[in-house]
Amino acid sequence: MDKGYINVMEEMVATLVNFYMTGNEYQTFCKCKKCRNDMIALSLNNLPSHYVTTEEGRERIYDQLNTEENRMWINKRIINAIHIVGKYPKHDNTD
């Protein structure tokens, strides 16, 4: 935590987007850095932020977010973002 604070939701979403993009289900989607960042940003725009300033706070919030119900809710927004970015990529073809 070099800034002194961290958005736990951002950590989770970035990890999940990267996980999904390595799987077979999304093998036809662009995996460039710009598209991944757009997927993460679009997901985060549709999810609440959860900022913390300590490692203990991070663990507590992660545990609260890491329930089956919350994971389904978060994954739904991530999958939607992956499909939107996949359909309307904003990168140059040179990426």
PDB file of N, CA and C in Angstrom:
ATOM      1  N   MET A   1       0.837  -1.191   0.000  1.00  0.00           N
ATOM      2  CA  MET A   1       0.000   0.000   0.000  1.00  0.00           C
ATOM      3  C   MET A   1       0.873   1.241   0.000  1.00  0.00           C
ATOM      4  N   ASP A   2       1.516   1.581  -1.093  1.00  0.00           N
ATOM      5  CA  ASP A   2       2.413   2.714  -1.098  1.00  0.00           C
ATOM      6  C   ASP A   2       1.704   4.062  -1.079  1.00  0.00           C
ATOM      7  N   LYS A   3       0.436   4.149  -1.493  1.00  0.00           N
ATOM      8  CA  LYS A   3      -0.311   5.406  -1.455  1.00  0.00           C
ATOM      9  C   LYS A   3      -0.871   5.669  -0.055  1.00  0.00           C
ATOM     10  N   GLY A   4      -0.914   4.665   0.769  1.00  0.00           N
ATOM     11  CA  GLY A   4      -1.528   4.802   2.076  1.00  0.00           C
ATOM     12  C   GLY A   4      -2.982   4.369   2.090  1.00  0.00           C
ATOM     13  N   TYR A   5      -3.518   4.067   0.940  1.00  0.00           N
ATOM     14  CA  TYR A   5      -4.899   3.583   0.828  1.00  0.00           C
ATOM     15  C   TYR A   5      -5.003   2.696  -0.405  1.00  0.00           C
ATOM     16  N   ILE A   6      -6.016   1.859  -0.407  1.00  0.00           N
ATOM     17  CA  ILE A   6      -6.232   0.964  -1.550  1.00  0.00           C
ATOM     18  C   ILE A   6      -7.717   0.674  -1.675  1.00  0.00           C
ATOM     19  N   ASN A   7      -8.162   0.519  -2.920  1.00  0.00           N
ATOM     20  CA  ASN A   7      -9.536   0.139  -3.198  1.00  0.00           C
ATOM     21  C   ASN A   7      -9.557  -1.386  -3.347  1.00  0.00           C
ATOM     22  N   VAL A   8     -10.113  -2.067  -2.377  1.00  0.00           N
ATOM     23  CA  VAL A   8     -10.138  -3.531  -2.382  1.00  0.00           C
ATOM     24  C   VAL A   8     -10.917  -4.045  -3.590  1.00  0.00           C
ATOM     25  N   MET A   9     -11.982  -3.353  -3.959  1.00  0.00           N
ATOM     26  CA  MET A   9     -12.760  -3.767  -5.125  1.00  0.00           C
ATOM     27  C   MET A   9     -11.889  -3.722  -6.378  1.00  0.00           C
ATOM     28  N   GLU A  10     -11.038  -2.721  -6.498  1.00  0.00           N
ATOM     29  CA  GLU A  10     -10.149  -2.613  -7.656  1.00  0.00           C
ATOM     30  C   GLU A  10      -9.197  -3.803  -7.729  1.00  0.00           C
ATOM     31  N   GLU A  11      -8.658  -4.193  -6.599  1.00  0.00           N
ATOM     32  CA  GLU A  11      -7.790  -5.379  -6.555  1.00  0.00           C
ATOM     33  C   GLU A  11      -8.535  -6.619  -7.036  1.00  0.00           C
ATOM     34  N   MET A  12      -9.734  -6.799  -6.519  1.00  0.00           N
ATOM     35  CA  MET A  12     -10.514  -7.984  -6.878  1.00  0.00           C
ATOM     36  C   MET A  12     -10.862  -7.988  -8.354  1.00  0.00           C
ATOM     37  N   VAL A  13     -11.323  -6.864  -8.869  1.00  0.00           N
ATOM     38  CA  VAL A  13     -11.748  -6.785 -10.266  1.00  0.00           C
ATOM     39  C   VAL A  13     -10.555  -7.014 -11.195  1.00  0.00           C
ATOM     40  N   ALA A  14      -9.424  -6.387 -10.914  1.00  0.00           N
ATOM     41  CA  ALA A  14      -8.240  -6.565 -11.769  1.00  0.00           C
ATOM     42  C   ALA A  14      -7.825  -8.033 -11.801  1.00  0.00           C
ATOM     43  N   THR A  15      -7.835  -8.674 -10.648  1.00  0.00           N
ATOM     44  CA  THR A  15      -7.473 -10.089 -10.578  1.00  0.00           C
ATOM     45  C   THR A  15      -8.456 -10.940 -11.376  1.00  0.00           C
ATOM     46  N   LEU A  16      -9.736 -10.676 -11.226  1.00  0.00           N
ATOM     47  CA  LEU A  16     -10.754 -11.470 -11.920  1.00  0.00           C
ATOM     48  C   LEU A  16     -10.724 -11.246 -13.431  1.00  0.00           C
ATOM     49  N   VAL A  17     -10.543 -10.004 -13.868  1.00  0.00           N
ATOM     50  CA  VAL A  17     -10.459  -9.745 -15.315  1.00  0.00           C
ATOM     51  C   VAL A  17      -9.276 -10.503 -15.895  1.00  0.00           C
ATOM     52  N   ASN A  18      -8.132 -10.426 -15.252  1.00  0.00           N
ATOM     53  CA  ASN A  18      -6.951 -11.140 -15.748  1.00  0.00           C
ATOM     54  C   ASN A  18      -7.177 -12.650 -15.747  1.00  0.00           C
ATOM     55  N   PHE A  19      -7.861 -13.154 -14.752  1.00  0.00           N
ATOM     56  CA  PHE A  19      -8.184 -14.584 -14.694  1.00  0.00           C
ATOM     57  C   PHE A  19      -9.094 -14.972 -15.857  1.00  0.00           C
ATOM     58  N   TYR A  20     -10.171 -14.209 -16.053  1.00  0.00           N
ATOM     59  CA  TYR A  20     -11.097 -14.516 -17.146  1.00  0.00           C
ATOM     60  C   TYR A  20     -10.402 -14.471 -18.501  1.00  0.00           C
ATOM     61  N   MET A  21      -9.521 -13.517 -18.690  1.00  0.00           N
ATOM     62  CA  MET A  21      -8.894 -13.343 -19.998  1.00  0.00           C
ATOM     63  C   MET A  21      -7.874 -14.441 -20.307  1.00  0.00           C
ATOM     64  N   THR A  22      -7.487 -15.216 -19.321  1.00  0.00           N
ATOM     65  CA  THR A  22      -6.590 -16.344 -19.581  1.00  0.00           C
ATOM     66  C   THR A  22      -7.359 -17.645 -19.819  1.00  0.00           C
ATOM     67  N   GLY A  23      -8.671 -17.609 -19.607  1.00  0.00           N
ATOM     68  CA  GLY A  23      -9.486 -18.812 -19.762  1.00  0.00           C
ATOM     69  C   GLY A  23      -9.937 -19.041 -21.185  1.00  0.00           C
ATOM     70  N   ASN A  24     -10.437 -20.222 -21.439  1.00  0.00           N
ATOM     71  CA  ASN A  24     -10.904 -20.611 -22.775  1.00  0.00           C
ATOM     72  C   ASN A  24     -12.137 -19.849 -23.227  1.00  0.00           C
ATOM     73  N   GLU A  25     -12.997 -19.478 -22.280  1.00  0.00           N
ATOM     74  CA  GLU A  25     -14.271 -18.853 -22.634  1.00  0.00           C
ATOM     75  C   GLU A  25     -14.085 -17.515 -23.359  1.00  0.00           C
ATOM     76  N   TYR A  26     -12.990 -16.822 -23.065  1.00  0.00           N
ATOM     77  CA  TYR A  26     -12.761 -15.494 -23.646  1.00  0.00           C
ATOM     78  C   TYR A  26     -11.536 -15.469 -24.557  1.00  0.00           C
ATOM     79  N   GLN A  27     -11.181 -16.615 -25.142  1.00  0.00           N
ATOM     80  CA  GLN A  27      -9.968 -16.692 -25.953  1.00  0.00           C
ATOM     81  C   GLN A  27     -10.062 -15.860 -27.230  1.00  0.00           C
ATOM     82  N   THR A  28     -11.250 -15.546 -27.705  1.00  0.00           N
ATOM     83  CA  THR A  28     -11.380 -14.748 -28.924  1.00  0.00           C
ATOM     84  C   THR A  28     -11.373 -13.247 -28.648  1.00  0.00           C
ATOM     85  N   PHE A  29     -11.367 -12.845 -27.379  1.00  0.00           N
ATOM     86  CA  PHE A  29     -11.377 -11.435 -27.015  1.00  0.00           C
ATOM     87  C   PHE A  29      -9.955 -10.890 -27.010  1.00  0.00           C
ATOM     88  N   CYS A  30      -9.824  -9.606 -27.331  1.00  0.00           N
ATOM     89  CA  CYS A  30      -8.507  -8.961 -27.308  1.00  0.00           C
ATOM     90  C   CYS A  30      -7.986  -8.945 -25.875  1.00  0.00           C
ATOM     91  N   LYS A  31      -6.717  -9.249 -25.729  1.00  0.00           N
ATOM     92  CA  LYS A  31      -6.107  -9.307 -24.407  1.00  0.00           C
ATOM     93  C   LYS A  31      -5.038  -8.225 -24.219  1.00  0.00           C
ATOM     94  N   CYS A  32      -5.045  -7.212 -25.084  1.00  0.00           N
ATOM     95  CA  CYS A  32      -4.039  -6.150 -24.965  1.00  0.00           C
ATOM     96  C   CYS A  32      -4.266  -5.371 -23.673  1.00  0.00           C
ATOM     97  N   LYS A  33      -3.247  -4.657 -23.242  1.00  0.00           N
ATOM     98  CA  LYS A  33      -3.301  -3.910 -21.987  1.00  0.00           C
ATOM     99  C   LYS A  33      -4.432  -2.876 -21.990  1.00  0.00           C
ATOM    100  N   LYS A  34      -4.634  -2.181 -23.119  1.00  0.00           N
ATOM    101  CA  LYS A  34      -5.686  -1.171 -23.215  1.00  0.00           C
ATOM    102  C   LYS A  34      -7.063  -1.805 -23.009  1.00  0.00           C
ATOM    103  N   CYS A  35      -7.315  -2.922 -23.680  1.00  0.00           N
ATOM    104  CA  CYS A  35      -8.620  -3.581 -23.527  1.00  0.00           C
ATOM    105  C   CYS A  35      -8.812  -4.093 -22.103  1.00  0.00           C
ATOM    106  N   ARG A  36      -7.784  -4.702 -21.519  1.00  0.00           N
ATOM    107  CA  ARG A  36      -7.908  -5.175 -20.127  1.00  0.00           C
ATOM    108  C   ARG A  36      -8.184  -4.009 -19.190  1.00  0.00           C
ATOM    109  N   ASN A  37      -7.463  -2.904 -19.367  1.00  0.00           N
ATOM    110  CA  ASN A  37      -7.690  -1.736 -18.516  1.00  0.00           C
ATOM    111  C   ASN A  37      -9.092  -1.173 -18.710  1.00  0.00           C
ATOM    112  N   ASP A  38      -9.578  -1.169 -19.966  1.00  0.00           N
ATOM    113  CA  ASP A  38     -10.951  -0.706 -20.211  1.00  0.00           C
ATOM    114  C   ASP A  38     -11.965  -1.625 -19.536  1.00  0.00           C
ATOM    115  N   MET A  39     -11.724  -2.930 -19.559  1.00  0.00           N
ATOM    116  CA  MET A  39     -12.619  -3.888 -18.899  1.00  0.00           C
ATOM    117  C   MET A  39     -12.646  -3.645 -17.392  1.00  0.00           C
ATOM    118  N   ILE A  40     -11.471  -3.413 -16.825  1.00  0.00           N
ATOM    119  CA  ILE A  40     -11.380  -3.148 -15.388  1.00  0.00           C
ATOM    120  C   ILE A  40     -12.083  -1.840 -15.051  1.00  0.00           C
ATOM    121  N   ALA A  41     -11.804  -0.780 -15.809  1.00  0.00           N
ATOM    122  CA  ALA A  41     -12.404   0.527 -15.533  1.00  0.00           C
ATOM    123  C   ALA A  41     -13.922   0.485 -15.671  1.00  0.00           C
ATOM    124  N   LEU A  42     -14.416  -0.139 -16.733  1.00  0.00           N
ATOM    125  CA  LEU A  42     -15.861  -0.224 -16.931  1.00  0.00           C
ATOM    126  C   LEU A  42     -16.513  -1.019 -15.803  1.00  0.00           C
ATOM    127  N   SER A  43     -15.889  -2.100 -15.394  1.00  0.00           N
ATOM    128  CA  SER A  43     -16.414  -2.882 -14.264  1.00  0.00           C
ATOM    129  C   SER A  43     -16.474  -2.031 -13.007  1.00  0.00           C
ATOM    130  N   LEU A  44     -15.368  -1.316 -12.722  1.00  0.00           N
ATOM    131  CA  LEU A  44     -15.310  -0.510 -11.502  1.00  0.00           C
ATOM    132  C   LEU A  44     -16.321   0.635 -11.517  1.00  0.00           C
ATOM    133  N   ASN A  45     -16.647   1.142 -12.698  1.00  0.00           N
ATOM    134  CA  ASN A  45     -17.654   2.202 -12.783  1.00  0.00           C
ATOM    135  C   ASN A  45     -19.041   1.697 -12.422  1.00  0.00           C
ATOM    136  N   ASN A  46     -19.226   0.387 -12.422  1.00  0.00           N
ATOM    137  CA  ASN A  46     -20.518  -0.213 -12.095  1.00  0.00           C
ATOM    138  C   ASN A  46     -20.511  -0.950 -10.762  1.00  0.00           C
ATOM    139  N   LEU A  47     -19.465  -0.735  -9.981  1.00  0.00           N
ATOM    140  CA  LEU A  47     -19.342  -1.376  -8.667  1.00  0.00           C
ATOM    141  C   LEU A  47     -18.957  -0.331  -7.626  1.00  0.00           C
ATOM    142  N   PRO A  48     -19.346  -0.533  -6.375  1.00  0.00           N
ATOM    143  CA  PRO A  48     -18.954   0.426  -5.337  1.00  0.00           C
ATOM    144  C   PRO A  48     -17.485   0.256  -4.960  1.00  0.00           C
ATOM    145  N   SER A  49     -16.853   1.368  -4.634  1.00  0.00           N
ATOM    146  CA  SER A  49     -15.463   1.292  -4.184  1.00  0.00           C
ATOM    147  C   SER A  49     -15.434   0.942  -2.694  1.00  0.00           C
ATOM    148  N   HIS A  50     -14.334   0.345  -2.276  1.00  0.00           N
ATOM    149  CA  HIS A  50     -14.147  -0.045  -0.877  1.00  0.00           C
ATOM    150  C   HIS A  50     -12.699   0.263  -0.501  1.00  0.00           C
ATOM    151  N   TYR A  51     -12.456   1.522  -0.114  1.00  0.00           N
ATOM    152  CA  TYR A  51     -11.106   1.951   0.222  1.00  0.00           C
ATOM    153  C   TYR A  51     -10.767   1.620   1.670  1.00  0.00           C
ATOM    154  N   VAL A  52      -9.529   1.225   1.875  1.00  0.00           N
ATOM    155  CA  VAL A  52      -9.026   0.937   3.217  1.00  0.00           C
ATOM    156  C   VAL A  52      -7.617   1.523   3.332  1.00  0.00           C
ATOM    157  N   THR A  53      -7.156   1.655   4.581  1.00  0.00           N
ATOM    158  CA  THR A  53      -5.821   2.219   4.812  1.00  0.00           C
ATOM    159  C   THR A  53      -4.887   1.266   5.537  1.00  0.00           C
ATOM    160  N   THR A  54      -5.391   0.104   5.931  1.00  0.00           N
ATOM    161  CA  THR A  54      -4.547  -0.859   6.640  1.00  0.00           C
ATOM    162  C   THR A  54      -4.709  -2.240   6.019  1.00  0.00           C
ATOM    163  N   GLU A  55      -3.736  -3.085   6.263  1.00  0.00           N
ATOM    164  CA  GLU A  55      -3.809  -4.467   5.786  1.00  0.00           C
ATOM    165  C   GLU A  55      -4.954  -5.200   6.477  1.00  0.00           C
ATOM    166  N   GLU A  56      -5.187  -4.888   7.748  1.00  0.00           N
ATOM    167  CA  GLU A  56      -6.298  -5.508   8.477  1.00  0.00           C
ATOM    168  C   GLU A  56      -7.636  -5.111   7.845  1.00  0.00           C
ATOM    169  N   GLY A  57      -7.760  -3.846   7.480  1.00  0.00           N
ATOM    170  CA  GLY A  57      -8.972  -3.383   6.817  1.00  0.00           C
ATOM    171  C   GLY A  57      -9.151  -4.051   5.468  1.00  0.00           C
ATOM    172  N   ARG A  58      -8.051  -4.218   4.739  1.00  0.00           N
ATOM    173  CA  ARG A  58      -8.100  -4.883   3.445  1.00  0.00           C
ATOM    174  C   ARG A  58      -8.613  -6.307   3.590  1.00  0.00           C
ATOM    175  N   GLU A  59      -8.079  -7.028   4.552  1.00  0.00           N
ATOM    176  CA  GLU A  59      -8.504  -8.414   4.780  1.00  0.00           C
ATOM    177  C   GLU A  59      -9.976  -8.478   5.188  1.00  0.00           C
ATOM    178  N   ARG A  60     -10.406  -7.561   6.042  1.00  0.00           N
ATOM    179  CA  ARG A  60     -11.787  -7.544   6.507  1.00  0.00           C
ATOM    180  C   ARG A  60     -12.750  -7.280   5.348  1.00  0.00           C
ATOM    181  N   ILE A  61     -12.448  -6.268   4.526  1.00  0.00           N
ATOM    182  CA  ILE A  61     -13.309  -5.943   3.387  1.00  0.00           C
ATOM    183  C   ILE A  61     -13.282  -7.063   2.359  1.00  0.00           C
ATOM    184  N   TYR A  62     -12.104  -7.628   2.100  1.00  0.00           N
ATOM    185  CA  TYR A  62     -12.007  -8.739   1.150  1.00  0.00           C
ATOM    186  C   TYR A  62     -12.906  -9.890   1.609  1.00  0.00           C
ATOM    187  N   ASP A  63     -12.853 -10.211   2.896  1.00  0.00           N
ATOM    188  CA  ASP A  63     -13.690 -11.288   3.425  1.00  0.00           C
ATOM    189  C   ASP A  63     -15.180 -10.961   3.267  1.00  0.00           C
ATOM    190  N   GLN A  64     -15.549  -9.701   3.458  1.00  0.00           N
ATOM    191  CA  GLN A  64     -16.950  -9.296   3.293  1.00  0.00           C
ATOM    192  C   GLN A  64     -17.389  -9.408   1.836  1.00  0.00           C
ATOM    193  N   LEU A  65     -16.496  -9.040   0.921  1.00  0.00           N
ATOM    194  CA  LEU A  65     -16.840  -9.078  -0.501  1.00  0.00           C
ATOM    195  C   LEU A  65     -16.777 -10.486  -1.080  1.00  0.00           C
ATOM    196  N   ASN A  66     -15.989 -11.349  -0.479  1.00  0.00           N
ATOM    197  CA  ASN A  66     -15.718 -12.669  -1.022  1.00  0.00           C
ATOM    198  C   ASN A  66     -16.739 -13.705  -0.551  1.00  0.00           C
ATOM    199  N   THR A  67     -18.026 -13.369  -0.714  1.00  0.00           N
ATOM    200  CA  THR A  67     -19.091 -14.334  -0.451  1.00  0.00           C
ATOM    201  C   THR A  67     -19.628 -14.790  -1.801  1.00  0.00           C
ATOM    202  N   GLU A  68     -20.305 -15.912  -1.827  1.00  0.00           N
ATOM    203  CA  GLU A  68     -20.827 -16.420  -3.093  1.00  0.00           C
ATOM    204  C   GLU A  68     -21.756 -15.412  -3.759  1.00  0.00           C
ATOM    205  N   GLU A  69     -22.631 -14.809  -2.973  1.00  0.00           N
ATOM    206  CA  GLU A  69     -23.580 -13.827  -3.511  1.00  0.00           C
ATOM    207  C   GLU A  69     -22.848 -12.612  -4.090  1.00  0.00           C
ATOM    208  N   ASN A  70     -21.875 -12.075  -3.352  1.00  0.00           N
ATOM    209  CA  ASN A  70     -21.128 -10.915  -3.839  1.00  0.00           C
ATOM    210  C   ASN A  70     -20.275 -11.255  -5.054  1.00  0.00           C
ATOM    211  N   ARG A  71     -19.661 -12.444  -5.051  1.00  0.00           N
ATOM    212  CA  ARG A  71     -18.848 -12.845  -6.205  1.00  0.00           C
ATOM    213  C   ARG A  71     -19.703 -12.943  -7.454  1.00  0.00           C
ATOM    214  N   MET A  72     -20.916 -13.474  -7.333  1.00  0.00           N
ATOM    215  CA  MET A  72     -21.821 -13.563  -8.485  1.00  0.00           C
ATOM    216  C   MET A  72     -22.179 -12.163  -8.990  1.00  0.00           C
ATOM    217  N   TRP A  73     -22.445 -11.253  -8.070  1.00  0.00           N
ATOM    218  CA  TRP A  73     -22.813  -9.874  -8.390  1.00  0.00           C
ATOM    219  C   TRP A  73     -21.643  -9.162  -9.073  1.00  0.00           C
ATOM    220  N   ILE A  74     -20.442  -9.329  -8.542  1.00  0.00           N
ATOM    221  CA  ILE A  74     -19.239  -8.720  -9.114  1.00  0.00           C
ATOM    222  C   ILE A  74     -18.936  -9.337 -10.481  1.00  0.00           C
ATOM    223  N   ASN A  75     -18.973 -10.659 -10.570  1.00  0.00           N
ATOM    224  CA  ASN A  75     -18.678 -11.349 -11.830  1.00  0.00           C
ATOM    225  C   ASN A  75     -19.639 -10.940 -12.939  1.00  0.00           C
ATOM    226  N   LYS A  76     -20.886 -10.732 -12.615  1.00  0.00           N
ATOM    227  CA  LYS A  76     -21.870 -10.321 -13.616  1.00  0.00           C
ATOM    228  C   LYS A  76     -21.455  -8.994 -14.249  1.00  0.00           C
ATOM    229  N   ARG A  77     -21.005  -8.063 -13.443  1.00  0.00           N
ATOM    230  CA  ARG A  77     -20.582  -6.753 -13.959  1.00  0.00           C
ATOM    231  C   ARG A  77     -19.286  -6.855 -14.758  1.00  0.00           C
ATOM    232  N   ILE A  78     -18.380  -7.723 -14.316  1.00  0.00           N
ATOM    233  CA  ILE A  78     -17.127  -7.919 -15.042  1.00  0.00           C
ATOM    234  C   ILE A  78     -17.406  -8.561 -16.404  1.00  0.00           C
ATOM    235  N   ILE A  79     -18.214  -9.595 -16.434  1.00  0.00           N
ATOM    236  CA  ILE A  79     -18.514 -10.285 -17.691  1.00  0.00           C
ATOM    237  C   ILE A  79     -19.209  -9.334 -18.662  1.00  0.00           C
ATOM    238  N   ASN A  80     -20.099  -8.511 -18.158  1.00  0.00           N
ATOM    239  CA  ASN A  80     -20.761  -7.517 -18.996  1.00  0.00           C
ATOM    240  C   ASN A  80     -19.718  -6.556 -19.585  1.00  0.00           C
ATOM    241  N   ALA A  81     -18.786  -6.093 -18.765  1.00  0.00           N
ATOM    242  CA  ALA A  81     -17.745  -5.175 -19.240  1.00  0.00           C
ATOM    243  C   ALA A  81     -16.851  -5.840 -20.285  1.00  0.00           C
ATOM    244  N   ILE A  82     -16.510  -7.101 -20.076  1.00  0.00           N
ATOM    245  CA  ILE A  82     -15.682  -7.830 -21.048  1.00  0.00           C
ATOM    246  C   ILE A  82     -16.389  -7.865 -22.401  1.00  0.00           C
ATOM    247  N   HIS A  83     -17.679  -8.141 -22.398  1.00  0.00           N
ATOM    248  CA  HIS A  83     -18.428  -8.217 -23.654  1.00  0.00           C
ATOM    249  C   HIS A  83     -18.556  -6.849 -24.321  1.00  0.00           C
ATOM    250  N   ILE A  84     -18.761  -5.801 -23.547  1.00  0.00           N
ATOM    251  CA  ILE A  84     -18.869  -4.451 -24.121  1.00  0.00           C
ATOM    252  C   ILE A  84     -17.544  -4.033 -24.747  1.00  0.00           C
ATOM    253  N   VAL A  85     -16.452  -4.200 -24.017  1.00  0.00           N
ATOM    254  CA  VAL A  85     -15.139  -3.824 -24.546  1.00  0.00           C
ATOM    255  C   VAL A  85     -14.786  -4.709 -25.747  1.00  0.00           C
ATOM    256  N   GLY A  86     -15.143  -5.983 -25.675  1.00  0.00           N
ATOM    257  CA  GLY A  86     -14.889  -6.876 -26.798  1.00  0.00           C
ATOM    258  C   GLY A  86     -15.630  -6.444 -28.058  1.00  0.00           C
ATOM    259  N   LYS A  87     -16.837  -5.932 -27.879  1.00  0.00           N
ATOM    260  CA  LYS A  87     -17.639  -5.502 -29.027  1.00  0.00           C
ATOM    261  C   LYS A  87     -17.210  -4.126 -29.536  1.00  0.00           C
ATOM    262  N   TYR A  88     -16.769  -3.260 -28.625  1.00  0.00           N
ATOM    263  CA  TYR A  88     -16.397  -1.888 -28.978  1.00  0.00           C
ATOM    264  C   TYR A  88     -15.001  -1.548 -28.451  1.00  0.00           C
ATOM    265  N   PRO A  89     -13.964  -2.226 -28.934  1.00  0.00           N
ATOM    266  CA  PRO A  89     -12.608  -1.938 -28.427  1.00  0.00           C
ATOM    267  C   PRO A  89     -12.171  -0.526 -28.805  1.00  0.00           C
ATOM    268  N   LYS A  90     -11.369   0.094 -27.952  1.00  0.00           N
ATOM    269  CA  LYS A  90     -10.897   1.464 -28.164  1.00  0.00           C
ATOM    270  C   LYS A  90      -9.398   1.521 -28.447  1.00  0.00           C
ATOM    271  N   HIS A  91      -8.797   0.382 -28.738  1.00  0.00           N
ATOM    272  CA  HIS A  91      -7.358   0.344 -28.961  1.00  0.00           C
ATOM    273  C   HIS A  91      -7.019   0.498 -30.438  1.00  0.00           C
ATOM    274  N   ASP A  92      -5.771   0.855 -30.690  1.00  0.00           N
ATOM    275  CA  ASP A  92      -5.267   0.851 -32.068  1.00  0.00           C
ATOM    276  C   ASP A  92      -4.988  -0.589 -32.444  1.00  0.00           C
ATOM    277  N   ASN A  93      -5.061  -0.891 -33.682  1.00  0.00           N
ATOM    278  CA  ASN A  93      -4.746  -2.243 -34.134  1.00  0.00           C
ATOM    279  C   ASN A  93      -3.273  -2.564 -33.986  1.00  0.00           C
ATOM    280  N   THR A  94      -2.464  -1.565 -33.627  1.00  0.00           N
ATOM    281  CA  THR A  94      -1.026  -1.778 -33.474  1.00  0.00           C
ATOM    282  C   THR A  94      -0.668  -2.236 -32.070  1.00  0.00           C
ATOM    283  N   ASP A  95      -1.646  -2.245 -31.141  1.00  0.00           N
ATOM    284  CA  ASP A  95      -1.365  -2.653 -29.745  1.00  0.00           C
ATOM    285  C   ASP A  95      -0.993  -4.104 -29.660  1.00  0.00           C
TER     286      ASP A  95
END
